[in-house]
Every structure is written in structure tokens, then in C-alpha cells.
């Protein structure tokens, strides 16, 4: 994470956002693909995701595309007071596992 520390409360709020908004890429689910992808997010103080780029590939083009698209145009919880006014950068790891 870069920028001023945003703390555990903000990280937990982002985790809750993820739980409410996550989705398995349909094409990957259709063919049973699983994997882990890591995305770098640049987040503005108001929570808008300014950039999402793949840091670590999952081994599936569908999962990788899904990981990045999940955050494009997303609005996460706003950064806490005192956070860097230019925003913050975080890495978010997504474990795609099909429950059978």
C-alpha cells in the first residue's frame, strides 16, 4: 500500500464492499477455471477506483479479465479523514474457487 496509511477500518470496509460486489467470471465458471489473481488499485480519497491493473496472473484469461473489470469504474468506501489527498494504492488478491 502506498500513500498515507488508511488503517484496518478502511480495509475492513473494502472487504465488505468486495463481499457485496464480487462475482465469478461466467466464462471461467462455465469451463471450471480456478486461480488466484492480484490487482493493483489506485483509489481516490472519495473511493473512486482511478486505476486497476493486473499484478499477478491467475493462469486464466477469463479470471484475469474478471479481476480487473470488477474494479473498473467502481466506487469503494471513501478514504478516512487524514488520508493522502492524492489517494492510495493497494494490492487486492482474489482467490477464484468453484464450490462443488
N, C-alpha and C. Protein backbone atom coordinates (compact mmCIF):
# COMPACT_ATOMS: atom_id res chain seq x y z
N UNK A 1 0.85 -1.17 0.00
CA UNK A 1 0.00 0.00 0.00
C UNK A 1 0.89 1.23 0.00
N UNK A 2 0.55 2.20 -0.84
CA UNK A 2 1.27 3.47 -0.87
C UNK A 2 0.30 4.58 -0.50
N UNK A 3 0.84 5.75 -0.18
CA UNK A 3 0.00 6.85 0.29
C UNK A 3 -0.06 6.78 1.81
N UNK A 4 -0.78 7.70 2.41
CA UNK A 4 -0.90 7.71 3.86
C UNK A 4 -1.64 6.45 4.32
N UNK A 5 -1.26 5.89 5.46
CA UNK A 5 -1.93 4.70 5.95
C UNK A 5 -3.44 4.94 6.09
N UNK A 6 -4.21 3.98 5.63
CA UNK A 6 -5.66 4.12 5.71
C UNK A 6 -6.26 3.30 6.84
N UNK A 7 -5.52 2.36 7.39
CA UNK A 7 -5.95 1.65 8.58
C UNK A 7 -6.85 0.46 8.34
N UNK A 8 -7.02 -0.28 9.43
CA UNK A 8 -7.80 -1.52 9.42
C UNK A 8 -9.27 -1.28 9.14
N UNK A 9 -9.84 -0.21 9.68
CA UNK A 9 -11.27 0.06 9.46
C UNK A 9 -11.59 0.22 7.97
N UNK A 10 -10.73 0.95 7.25
CA UNK A 10 -10.97 1.13 5.83
C UNK A 10 -10.79 -0.18 5.08
N UNK A 11 -9.76 -0.93 5.43
CA UNK A 11 -9.54 -2.23 4.79
C UNK A 11 -10.75 -3.15 5.01
N UNK A 12 -11.29 -3.14 6.21
CA UNK A 12 -12.48 -3.96 6.51
C UNK A 12 -13.69 -3.48 5.71
N UNK A 13 -13.81 -2.16 5.53
CA UNK A 13 -14.91 -1.62 4.73
C UNK A 13 -14.77 -2.07 3.27
N UNK A 14 -13.54 -2.08 2.76
CA UNK A 14 -13.31 -2.55 1.39
C UNK A 14 -13.63 -4.04 1.30
N UNK A 15 -13.27 -4.79 2.31
CA UNK A 15 -13.57 -6.23 2.32
C UNK A 15 -15.09 -6.45 2.27
N UNK A 16 -15.84 -5.66 3.03
CA UNK A 16 -17.31 -5.76 3.00
C UNK A 16 -17.84 -5.39 1.61
N UNK A 17 -17.26 -4.34 1.01
CA UNK A 17 -17.66 -3.96 -0.35
C UNK A 17 -17.42 -5.14 -1.29
N UNK A 18 -16.26 -5.78 -1.16
CA UNK A 18 -15.93 -6.92 -2.01
C UNK A 18 -16.95 -8.04 -1.83
N UNK A 19 -17.28 -8.35 -0.58
CA UNK A 19 -18.25 -9.42 -0.31
C UNK A 19 -19.60 -9.12 -0.98
N UNK A 20 -20.00 -7.87 -1.01
CA UNK A 20 -21.28 -7.49 -1.60
C UNK A 20 -21.25 -7.40 -3.13
N UNK A 21 -20.07 -7.22 -3.71
CA UNK A 21 -19.98 -6.94 -5.14
C UNK A 21 -19.22 -7.97 -5.96
N UNK A 22 -18.63 -8.95 -5.34
CA UNK A 22 -17.82 -9.91 -6.10
C UNK A 22 -18.70 -10.77 -7.00
N UNK A 23 -18.08 -11.21 -8.08
CA UNK A 23 -18.77 -12.12 -8.99
C UNK A 23 -17.72 -12.98 -9.70
N UNK A 24 -18.10 -14.20 -9.95
CA UNK A 24 -17.22 -15.14 -10.65
C UNK A 24 -17.40 -14.91 -12.14
N UNK A 25 -16.33 -14.73 -12.89
CA UNK A 25 -16.46 -14.53 -14.33
C UNK A 25 -17.21 -15.72 -14.96
N UNK A 26 -18.33 -15.45 -15.61
CA UNK A 26 -19.17 -16.54 -16.13
C UNK A 26 -18.44 -17.51 -17.07
N UNK A 27 -17.60 -17.00 -17.96
CA UNK A 27 -16.89 -17.89 -18.89
C UNK A 27 -15.93 -18.81 -18.15
N UNK A 28 -15.30 -18.31 -17.11
CA UNK A 28 -14.39 -19.14 -16.31
C UNK A 28 -15.18 -20.20 -15.55
N UNK A 29 -16.32 -19.82 -15.00
CA UNK A 29 -17.16 -20.78 -14.28
C UNK A 29 -17.65 -21.88 -15.21
N UNK A 30 -18.02 -21.49 -16.43
CA UNK A 30 -18.54 -22.43 -17.41
C UNK A 30 -17.56 -23.57 -17.71
N UNK A 31 -16.28 -23.23 -17.77
CA UNK A 31 -15.27 -24.25 -18.08
C UNK A 31 -14.52 -24.73 -16.84
N UNK A 32 -14.95 -24.28 -15.65
CA UNK A 32 -14.38 -24.76 -14.40
C UNK A 32 -13.00 -24.23 -14.05
N UNK A 33 -12.67 -23.05 -14.54
CA UNK A 33 -11.35 -22.48 -14.25
C UNK A 33 -11.31 -21.89 -12.84
N UNK A 34 -10.19 -22.15 -12.17
CA UNK A 34 -9.93 -21.59 -10.84
C UNK A 34 -8.54 -20.98 -10.85
N UNK A 35 -8.28 -20.07 -9.91
CA UNK A 35 -6.96 -19.47 -9.82
C UNK A 35 -6.96 -18.28 -8.90
N UNK A 36 -5.79 -17.69 -8.77
CA UNK A 36 -5.60 -16.52 -7.91
C UNK A 36 -5.00 -15.39 -8.73
N UNK A 37 -5.63 -14.24 -8.67
CA UNK A 37 -5.15 -13.05 -9.38
C UNK A 37 -4.94 -11.93 -8.36
N UNK A 38 -3.97 -11.09 -8.62
CA UNK A 38 -3.74 -9.91 -7.78
C UNK A 38 -3.84 -8.67 -8.64
N UNK A 39 -4.60 -7.71 -8.15
CA UNK A 39 -4.87 -6.46 -8.87
C UNK A 39 -4.33 -5.29 -8.05
N UNK A 40 -3.69 -4.34 -8.71
CA UNK A 40 -3.27 -3.10 -8.06
C UNK A 40 -4.34 -2.06 -8.33
N UNK A 41 -4.80 -1.42 -7.26
CA UNK A 41 -5.84 -0.40 -7.37
C UNK A 41 -5.30 0.94 -6.90
N UNK A 42 -5.57 1.96 -7.68
CA UNK A 42 -5.29 3.33 -7.24
C UNK A 42 -6.66 3.92 -6.92
N UNK A 43 -6.82 4.32 -5.65
CA UNK A 43 -8.12 4.75 -5.14
C UNK A 43 -8.05 6.23 -4.73
N UNK A 44 -8.98 7.01 -5.25
CA UNK A 44 -9.08 8.44 -4.91
C UNK A 44 -9.64 8.57 -3.49
N UNK A 45 -9.46 9.72 -2.85
CA UNK A 45 -9.97 9.91 -1.50
C UNK A 45 -11.47 9.65 -1.36
N UNK A 46 -12.24 9.90 -2.43
CA UNK A 46 -13.69 9.67 -2.34
C UNK A 46 -14.07 8.21 -2.60
N UNK A 47 -13.07 7.34 -2.81
CA UNK A 47 -13.32 5.91 -3.01
C UNK A 47 -13.36 5.47 -4.46
N UNK A 48 -13.35 6.43 -5.40
CA UNK A 48 -13.38 6.04 -6.81
C UNK A 48 -12.09 5.33 -7.20
N UNK A 49 -12.24 4.20 -7.88
CA UNK A 49 -11.07 3.49 -8.37
C UNK A 49 -10.61 4.19 -9.64
N UNK A 50 -9.43 4.77 -9.56
CA UNK A 50 -8.89 5.52 -10.70
C UNK A 50 -8.16 4.61 -11.67
N UNK A 51 -7.64 3.50 -11.16
CA UNK A 51 -6.89 2.59 -12.00
C UNK A 51 -6.94 1.19 -11.38
N UNK A 52 -7.05 0.20 -12.24
CA UNK A 52 -6.97 -1.19 -11.82
C UNK A 52 -6.11 -1.92 -12.84
N UNK A 53 -5.03 -2.54 -12.37
CA UNK A 53 -4.17 -3.28 -13.31
C UNK A 53 -3.76 -4.60 -12.66
N UNK A 54 -3.57 -5.59 -13.49
CA UNK A 54 -3.22 -6.92 -13.05
C UNK A 54 -1.75 -6.95 -12.63
N UNK A 55 -1.50 -7.41 -11.41
CA UNK A 55 -0.13 -7.57 -10.93
C UNK A 55 0.33 -9.02 -11.05
N UNK A 56 -0.59 -9.94 -10.77
CA UNK A 56 -0.26 -11.37 -10.84
C UNK A 56 -1.37 -12.12 -11.56
N UNK A 57 -0.99 -12.84 -12.59
CA UNK A 57 -1.97 -13.57 -13.39
C UNK A 57 -2.41 -14.86 -12.69
N UNK A 58 -3.64 -15.24 -12.99
CA UNK A 58 -4.23 -16.43 -12.39
C UNK A 58 -3.97 -17.69 -13.20
N UNK A 59 -3.59 -17.52 -14.46
CA UNK A 59 -3.46 -18.65 -15.37
C UNK A 59 -4.69 -18.81 -16.27
N UNK A 60 -5.67 -17.94 -16.06
CA UNK A 60 -6.89 -17.96 -16.88
C UNK A 60 -7.15 -16.56 -17.41
N UNK A 61 -7.29 -16.44 -18.70
CA UNK A 61 -7.58 -15.14 -19.30
C UNK A 61 -8.92 -14.61 -18.78
N UNK A 62 -9.89 -15.50 -18.56
CA UNK A 62 -11.22 -15.08 -18.08
C UNK A 62 -11.15 -14.57 -16.65
N UNK A 63 -10.41 -15.26 -15.79
CA UNK A 63 -10.29 -14.81 -14.40
C UNK A 63 -9.53 -13.49 -14.32
N UNK A 64 -8.46 -13.38 -15.11
CA UNK A 64 -7.67 -12.14 -15.11
C UNK A 64 -8.53 -10.95 -15.55
N UNK A 65 -9.27 -11.14 -16.64
CA UNK A 65 -10.13 -10.05 -17.13
C UNK A 65 -11.21 -9.72 -16.11
N UNK A 66 -11.76 -10.74 -15.48
CA UNK A 66 -12.79 -10.52 -14.46
C UNK A 66 -12.25 -9.77 -13.26
N UNK A 67 -11.03 -10.10 -12.85
CA UNK A 67 -10.43 -9.44 -11.69
C UNK A 67 -10.28 -7.94 -11.91
N UNK A 68 -9.80 -7.57 -13.10
CA UNK A 68 -9.60 -6.15 -13.40
C UNK A 68 -10.95 -5.45 -13.62
N UNK A 69 -11.84 -6.07 -14.38
CA UNK A 69 -13.11 -5.41 -14.69
C UNK A 69 -13.99 -5.23 -13.45
N UNK A 70 -13.80 -6.08 -12.45
CA UNK A 70 -14.57 -5.96 -11.21
C UNK A 70 -14.39 -4.58 -10.58
N UNK A 71 -13.21 -4.00 -10.76
CA UNK A 71 -12.90 -2.73 -10.10
C UNK A 71 -12.96 -1.52 -11.02
N UNK A 72 -13.01 -1.73 -12.34
CA UNK A 72 -13.07 -0.58 -13.26
C UNK A 72 -14.36 0.19 -13.04
N UNK A 73 -14.24 1.48 -12.75
CA UNK A 73 -15.40 2.32 -12.53
C UNK A 73 -16.07 2.11 -11.18
N UNK A 74 -15.46 1.29 -10.33
CA UNK A 74 -16.06 1.00 -9.01
C UNK A 74 -15.85 2.17 -8.06
N UNK A 75 -16.73 2.24 -7.09
CA UNK A 75 -16.59 3.23 -6.01
C UNK A 75 -16.52 2.44 -4.71
N UNK A 76 -15.33 2.43 -4.12
CA UNK A 76 -15.10 1.77 -2.84
C UNK A 76 -15.45 2.74 -1.72
N UNK A 77 -15.43 2.31 -0.48
CA UNK A 77 -15.65 3.26 0.61
C UNK A 77 -14.62 4.40 0.55
N UNK A 78 -15.05 5.58 0.90
CA UNK A 78 -14.16 6.75 0.91
C UNK A 78 -13.02 6.52 1.90
N UNK A 79 -11.86 7.10 1.57
CA UNK A 79 -10.72 7.01 2.47
C UNK A 79 -11.03 7.78 3.75
N UNK A 80 -10.44 7.37 4.87
CA UNK A 80 -10.70 8.05 6.13
C UNK A 80 -10.08 9.45 6.15
N UNK A 81 -10.60 10.30 7.03
CA UNK A 81 -10.01 11.63 7.18
C UNK A 81 -8.51 11.51 7.49
N UNK A 82 -7.74 12.40 6.91
CA UNK A 82 -6.31 12.39 7.15
C UNK A 82 -5.53 11.54 6.16
N UNK A 83 -6.24 10.81 5.29
CA UNK A 83 -5.54 10.02 4.27
C UNK A 83 -4.91 10.95 3.25
N UNK A 84 -3.97 10.44 2.52
CA UNK A 84 -3.28 11.21 1.50
C UNK A 84 -4.31 11.81 0.52
N UNK A 85 -4.30 13.13 0.31
CA UNK A 85 -5.27 13.75 -0.59
C UNK A 85 -5.13 13.31 -2.06
N UNK A 86 -4.01 12.68 -2.39
CA UNK A 86 -3.86 12.17 -3.75
C UNK A 86 -4.38 10.74 -3.86
N UNK A 87 -4.84 10.16 -2.76
CA UNK A 87 -5.39 8.81 -2.77
C UNK A 87 -4.40 7.80 -2.25
N UNK A 88 -4.69 6.53 -2.52
CA UNK A 88 -3.83 5.46 -2.05
C UNK A 88 -3.78 4.35 -3.09
N UNK A 89 -2.76 3.53 -3.00
CA UNK A 89 -2.60 2.38 -3.89
C UNK A 89 -2.58 1.13 -3.03
N UNK A 90 -3.41 0.15 -3.42
CA UNK A 90 -3.44 -1.11 -2.69
C UNK A 90 -3.37 -2.28 -3.68
N UNK A 91 -2.93 -3.40 -3.17
CA UNK A 91 -2.98 -4.65 -3.93
C UNK A 91 -4.11 -5.48 -3.35
N UNK A 92 -4.90 -6.10 -4.24
CA UNK A 92 -6.05 -6.90 -3.82
C UNK A 92 -5.92 -8.27 -4.48
N UNK A 93 -5.85 -9.30 -3.67
CA UNK A 93 -5.72 -10.66 -4.18
C UNK A 93 -7.09 -11.34 -4.17
N UNK A 94 -7.41 -11.96 -5.29
CA UNK A 94 -8.70 -12.64 -5.45
C UNK A 94 -8.44 -14.12 -5.68
N UNK A 95 -9.01 -14.94 -4.82
CA UNK A 95 -8.92 -16.40 -4.97
C UNK A 95 -10.22 -16.88 -5.59
N UNK A 96 -10.16 -17.30 -6.83
CA UNK A 96 -11.33 -17.82 -7.52
C UNK A 96 -11.40 -19.33 -7.30
N UNK A 97 -12.38 -19.77 -6.56
CA UNK A 97 -12.57 -21.18 -6.27
C UNK A 97 -14.03 -21.54 -6.52
N UNK A 98 -14.21 -22.59 -7.30
CA UNK A 98 -15.59 -23.05 -7.57
C UNK A 98 -15.97 -24.01 -6.45
N UNK A 99 -17.07 -23.71 -5.78
CA UNK A 99 -17.60 -24.58 -4.73
C UNK A 99 -18.39 -25.68 -5.42
N UNK A 100 -17.97 -26.89 -5.20
CA UNK A 100 -18.64 -28.02 -5.85
C UNK A 100 -19.53 -28.76 -4.87
